[in-house]
N, C-alpha and C. Protein backbone atom coordinates (compact mmCIF):
# COMPACT_ATOMS: atom_id res chain seq x y z
N MET A 1 11.63 16.58 7.19
CA MET A 1 10.41 17.26 6.84
C MET A 1 9.80 17.89 8.08
N PRO A 2 9.76 19.17 8.17
CA PRO A 2 9.14 19.80 9.34
C PRO A 2 7.63 19.66 9.29
N LEU A 3 7.04 19.43 10.45
CA LEU A 3 5.58 19.31 10.53
C LEU A 3 5.00 20.65 10.94
N ASP A 4 3.81 20.96 10.45
CA ASP A 4 3.13 22.18 10.84
C ASP A 4 1.71 21.84 11.26
N ASP A 5 0.89 22.85 11.39
CA ASP A 5 -0.50 22.63 11.81
C ASP A 5 -1.29 21.83 10.78
N HIS A 6 -0.78 21.72 9.58
CA HIS A 6 -1.49 21.02 8.51
C HIS A 6 -0.92 19.63 8.27
N ALA A 7 -0.33 19.04 9.27
CA ALA A 7 0.25 17.70 9.13
C ALA A 7 -0.83 16.68 8.82
N LEU A 8 -0.45 15.65 8.09
CA LEU A 8 -1.36 14.59 7.69
C LEU A 8 -1.14 13.35 8.53
N GLN A 9 -2.22 12.66 8.83
CA GLN A 9 -2.14 11.34 9.45
C GLN A 9 -2.45 10.35 8.34
N VAL A 10 -1.50 9.48 8.02
CA VAL A 10 -1.72 8.46 7.00
C VAL A 10 -1.25 7.11 7.53
N THR A 11 -1.70 6.05 6.88
CA THR A 11 -1.28 4.70 7.22
C THR A 11 -0.74 4.05 5.96
N VAL A 12 0.34 3.29 6.13
CA VAL A 12 0.90 2.52 5.01
C VAL A 12 0.73 1.05 5.38
N ALA A 13 0.20 0.26 4.43
CA ALA A 13 -0.12 -1.15 4.70
C ALA A 13 0.54 -2.07 3.69
N LEU A 14 0.97 -3.22 4.20
CA LEU A 14 1.49 -4.31 3.37
C LEU A 14 1.01 -5.60 3.97
N ALA A 15 0.38 -6.45 3.16
CA ALA A 15 -0.12 -7.73 3.64
C ALA A 15 0.51 -8.87 2.85
N LEU A 16 1.00 -9.85 3.57
CA LEU A 16 1.52 -11.08 3.00
C LEU A 16 0.60 -12.21 3.45
N PRO A 17 0.70 -13.39 2.87
CA PRO A 17 -0.19 -14.48 3.29
C PRO A 17 -0.10 -14.81 4.78
N ASP A 18 1.06 -14.63 5.37
CA ASP A 18 1.23 -15.01 6.78
C ASP A 18 1.45 -13.84 7.73
N ARG A 19 1.48 -12.62 7.22
CA ARG A 19 1.76 -11.48 8.08
C ARG A 19 1.30 -10.19 7.42
N ALA A 20 0.92 -9.22 8.23
CA ALA A 20 0.52 -7.91 7.70
C ALA A 20 1.11 -6.81 8.57
N TRP A 21 1.39 -5.68 7.96
CA TRP A 21 1.91 -4.52 8.68
C TRP A 21 1.04 -3.31 8.36
N LEU A 22 0.78 -2.51 9.38
CA LEU A 22 0.15 -1.20 9.25
C LEU A 22 1.04 -0.23 9.99
N VAL A 23 1.51 0.78 9.29
CA VAL A 23 2.40 1.77 9.89
C VAL A 23 1.71 3.13 9.83
N ALA A 24 1.44 3.70 10.99
CA ALA A 24 0.82 5.03 11.05
C ALA A 24 1.93 6.08 10.99
N LEU A 25 1.71 7.09 10.17
CA LEU A 25 2.69 8.16 9.99
C LEU A 25 2.04 9.52 10.11
N ARG A 26 2.83 10.46 10.53
CA ARG A 26 2.43 11.87 10.52
C ARG A 26 3.39 12.56 9.56
N LEU A 27 2.85 13.13 8.49
CA LEU A 27 3.65 13.73 7.44
C LEU A 27 3.19 15.16 7.19
N PRO A 28 4.07 15.98 6.64
CA PRO A 28 3.67 17.36 6.34
C PRO A 28 2.70 17.41 5.16
N ALA A 29 1.90 18.43 5.11
CA ALA A 29 1.00 18.64 3.98
C ALA A 29 1.83 18.67 2.70
N GLY A 30 1.31 18.06 1.65
CA GLY A 30 2.02 18.01 0.38
C GLY A 30 2.89 16.79 0.22
N ALA A 31 2.95 15.93 1.23
CA ALA A 31 3.75 14.70 1.14
C ALA A 31 3.17 13.77 0.08
N THR A 32 4.04 12.99 -0.54
CA THR A 32 3.61 12.08 -1.61
C THR A 32 3.56 10.64 -1.10
N VAL A 33 2.96 9.80 -1.91
CA VAL A 33 2.90 8.37 -1.61
C VAL A 33 4.31 7.81 -1.49
N ASP A 34 5.19 8.19 -2.38
CA ASP A 34 6.57 7.70 -2.35
C ASP A 34 7.24 8.04 -1.02
N GLU A 35 7.03 9.25 -0.54
CA GLU A 35 7.61 9.67 0.75
C GLU A 35 7.04 8.83 1.89
N ALA A 36 5.75 8.56 1.86
CA ALA A 36 5.12 7.77 2.91
C ALA A 36 5.66 6.34 2.92
N VAL A 37 5.79 5.74 1.74
CA VAL A 37 6.30 4.37 1.65
C VAL A 37 7.73 4.32 2.17
N GLU A 38 8.53 5.29 1.78
CA GLU A 38 9.93 5.32 2.24
C GLU A 38 10.00 5.46 3.76
N ARG A 39 9.23 6.39 4.32
CA ARG A 39 9.25 6.61 5.77
C ARG A 39 8.69 5.42 6.54
N SER A 40 7.80 4.64 5.93
CA SER A 40 7.20 3.50 6.63
C SER A 40 8.21 2.38 6.89
N GLY A 41 9.20 2.25 6.01
CA GLY A 41 10.18 1.18 6.14
C GLY A 41 9.65 -0.19 5.76
N LEU A 42 8.47 -0.26 5.17
CA LEU A 42 7.86 -1.56 4.87
C LEU A 42 8.60 -2.33 3.78
N ARG A 43 9.19 -1.65 2.85
CA ARG A 43 9.93 -2.37 1.80
C ARG A 43 11.07 -3.18 2.42
N ALA A 44 11.72 -2.66 3.42
CA ALA A 44 12.82 -3.38 4.07
C ALA A 44 12.32 -4.52 4.95
N ARG A 45 11.11 -4.43 5.45
CA ARG A 45 10.56 -5.47 6.32
C ARG A 45 10.13 -6.72 5.56
N ALA A 46 9.98 -6.60 4.27
CA ALA A 46 9.52 -7.74 3.46
C ALA A 46 10.51 -7.97 2.32
N PRO A 47 11.74 -8.39 2.63
CA PRO A 47 12.75 -8.52 1.58
C PRO A 47 12.44 -9.60 0.55
N GLY A 48 11.60 -10.58 0.89
CA GLY A 48 11.27 -11.64 -0.05
C GLY A 48 10.21 -11.24 -1.08
N VAL A 49 9.61 -10.08 -0.91
CA VAL A 49 8.56 -9.62 -1.82
C VAL A 49 9.21 -8.98 -3.04
N ASP A 50 8.69 -9.31 -4.22
CA ASP A 50 9.18 -8.74 -5.47
C ASP A 50 8.79 -7.26 -5.52
N GLN A 51 9.69 -6.41 -5.09
CA GLN A 51 9.41 -4.97 -4.97
C GLN A 51 9.05 -4.33 -6.32
N ALA A 52 9.63 -4.83 -7.40
CA ALA A 52 9.39 -4.24 -8.72
C ALA A 52 7.95 -4.44 -9.18
N ASN A 53 7.27 -5.47 -8.66
CA ASN A 53 5.91 -5.76 -9.10
C ASN A 53 4.84 -5.34 -8.11
N LEU A 54 5.18 -4.57 -7.11
CA LEU A 54 4.17 -4.07 -6.18
C LEU A 54 3.40 -2.94 -6.84
N THR A 55 2.11 -2.93 -6.62
CA THR A 55 1.26 -1.83 -7.08
C THR A 55 0.94 -0.96 -5.88
N LEU A 56 0.93 0.34 -6.08
CA LEU A 56 0.56 1.26 -5.01
C LEU A 56 -0.91 1.64 -5.17
N ALA A 57 -1.60 1.74 -4.03
CA ALA A 57 -3.01 2.10 -4.06
C ALA A 57 -3.35 2.90 -2.82
N ILE A 58 -4.41 3.66 -2.90
CA ILE A 58 -5.00 4.32 -1.74
C ILE A 58 -6.42 3.78 -1.64
N PHE A 59 -6.70 3.09 -0.54
CA PHE A 59 -7.99 2.43 -0.34
C PHE A 59 -8.39 1.60 -1.57
N GLY A 60 -7.42 0.86 -2.14
CA GLY A 60 -7.70 -0.06 -3.24
C GLY A 60 -7.68 0.56 -4.62
N LYS A 61 -7.56 1.87 -4.72
CA LYS A 61 -7.54 2.53 -6.03
C LYS A 61 -6.08 2.76 -6.44
N PRO A 62 -5.64 2.18 -7.56
CA PRO A 62 -4.24 2.34 -7.98
C PRO A 62 -3.86 3.81 -8.17
N ILE A 63 -2.65 4.13 -7.74
CA ILE A 63 -2.13 5.49 -7.83
C ILE A 63 -0.65 5.42 -8.19
N THR A 64 -0.02 6.57 -8.39
CA THR A 64 1.40 6.63 -8.70
C THR A 64 2.17 7.07 -7.46
N PRO A 65 3.50 6.84 -7.44
CA PRO A 65 4.30 7.28 -6.30
C PRO A 65 4.25 8.79 -6.08
N ALA A 66 3.98 9.56 -7.12
CA ALA A 66 3.96 11.01 -7.01
C ALA A 66 2.62 11.57 -6.52
N THR A 67 1.65 10.71 -6.28
CA THR A 67 0.34 11.16 -5.80
C THR A 67 0.48 11.87 -4.46
N VAL A 68 -0.13 13.04 -4.35
CA VAL A 68 -0.09 13.80 -3.10
C VAL A 68 -1.13 13.23 -2.14
N LEU A 69 -0.71 13.02 -0.91
CA LEU A 69 -1.58 12.40 0.09
C LEU A 69 -2.56 13.40 0.69
N ARG A 70 -3.67 12.84 1.19
CA ARG A 70 -4.65 13.62 1.95
C ARG A 70 -4.75 13.03 3.35
N ASP A 71 -5.18 13.82 4.28
CA ASP A 71 -5.30 13.36 5.65
C ASP A 71 -6.22 12.14 5.71
N GLY A 72 -5.77 11.10 6.41
CA GLY A 72 -6.57 9.89 6.57
C GLY A 72 -6.36 8.83 5.52
N ASP A 73 -5.54 9.09 4.50
CA ASP A 73 -5.30 8.10 3.45
C ASP A 73 -4.66 6.84 4.01
N ARG A 74 -4.99 5.69 3.39
CA ARG A 74 -4.30 4.43 3.67
C ARG A 74 -3.61 4.00 2.39
N VAL A 75 -2.28 4.10 2.39
CA VAL A 75 -1.48 3.69 1.24
C VAL A 75 -1.26 2.19 1.34
N GLU A 76 -1.52 1.48 0.26
CA GLU A 76 -1.39 0.03 0.26
C GLU A 76 -0.33 -0.39 -0.75
N LEU A 77 0.54 -1.29 -0.35
CA LEU A 77 1.51 -1.92 -1.24
C LEU A 77 0.91 -3.26 -1.60
N LEU A 78 0.47 -3.40 -2.84
CA LEU A 78 -0.28 -4.58 -3.28
C LEU A 78 0.60 -5.51 -4.10
N ARG A 79 0.57 -6.79 -3.73
CA ARG A 79 1.28 -7.81 -4.50
C ARG A 79 0.45 -8.18 -5.71
N PRO A 80 1.09 -8.68 -6.77
CA PRO A 80 0.32 -9.11 -7.95
C PRO A 80 -0.59 -10.28 -7.60
N LEU A 81 -1.73 -10.35 -8.26
CA LEU A 81 -2.64 -11.48 -8.07
C LEU A 81 -2.01 -12.73 -8.67
N LEU A 82 -2.14 -13.85 -7.98
CA LEU A 82 -1.63 -15.12 -8.50
C LEU A 82 -2.61 -15.74 -9.49
N LEU A 83 -3.89 -15.39 -9.34
CA LEU A 83 -4.92 -15.92 -10.20
C LEU A 83 -6.00 -14.87 -10.37
N ASP A 84 -6.47 -14.72 -11.58
CA ASP A 84 -7.55 -13.78 -11.86
C ASP A 84 -8.79 -14.20 -11.05
N PRO A 85 -9.41 -13.27 -10.31
CA PRO A 85 -10.58 -13.62 -9.49
C PRO A 85 -11.71 -14.28 -10.28
N LYS A 86 -11.91 -13.86 -11.53
CA LYS A 86 -12.96 -14.49 -12.36
C LYS A 86 -12.62 -15.95 -12.63
N GLN A 87 -11.36 -16.22 -12.92
CA GLN A 87 -10.94 -17.60 -13.16
C GLN A 87 -11.09 -18.44 -11.89
N ALA A 88 -10.77 -17.86 -10.76
CA ALA A 88 -10.91 -18.59 -9.49
C ALA A 88 -12.36 -18.96 -9.24
N ARG A 89 -13.30 -18.03 -9.49
CA ARG A 89 -14.73 -18.33 -9.31
C ARG A 89 -15.19 -19.42 -10.26
N ARG A 90 -14.74 -19.36 -11.50
CA ARG A 90 -15.11 -20.39 -12.48
C ARG A 90 -14.59 -21.76 -12.04
N ARG A 91 -13.38 -21.78 -11.55
CA ARG A 91 -12.78 -23.05 -11.08
C ARG A 91 -13.58 -23.61 -9.92
N ARG A 92 -13.94 -22.75 -8.95
CA ARG A 92 -14.72 -23.22 -7.79
C ARG A 92 -16.09 -23.72 -8.25
N ALA A 93 -16.70 -23.04 -9.23
CA ALA A 93 -18.02 -23.45 -9.72
C ALA A 93 -17.94 -24.82 -10.40
N ARG A 94 -16.89 -25.06 -11.15
CA ARG A 94 -16.72 -26.35 -11.82
C ARG A 94 -16.48 -27.47 -10.80
N GLU A 95 -15.70 -27.17 -9.77
CA GLU A 95 -15.33 -28.18 -8.79
C GLU A 95 -16.42 -28.40 -7.74
N GLY A 96 -17.30 -27.41 -7.55
CA GLY A 96 -18.29 -27.47 -6.49
C GLY A 96 -19.53 -28.14 -6.89
């Protein structure tokens, strides 16, 4: 992908309980989330993560792999929640 004056600066993030990665990328205008994730190499760095159940987001808002990026976006690879946050709060309230 050739870069031009309209190149984008984006970050791709993946967080695990014991480790987190942030990869800064420079991509051409019109690049998609899928292209950013592929170029980041993060899927290969976390082979134990269930790749099929990752959700993609930009600043916490779910998006699709075909979403076109904007300068400054932070693409997040989100793991599924183990427990619904409402249920967790209820459990803590009962136990506390």
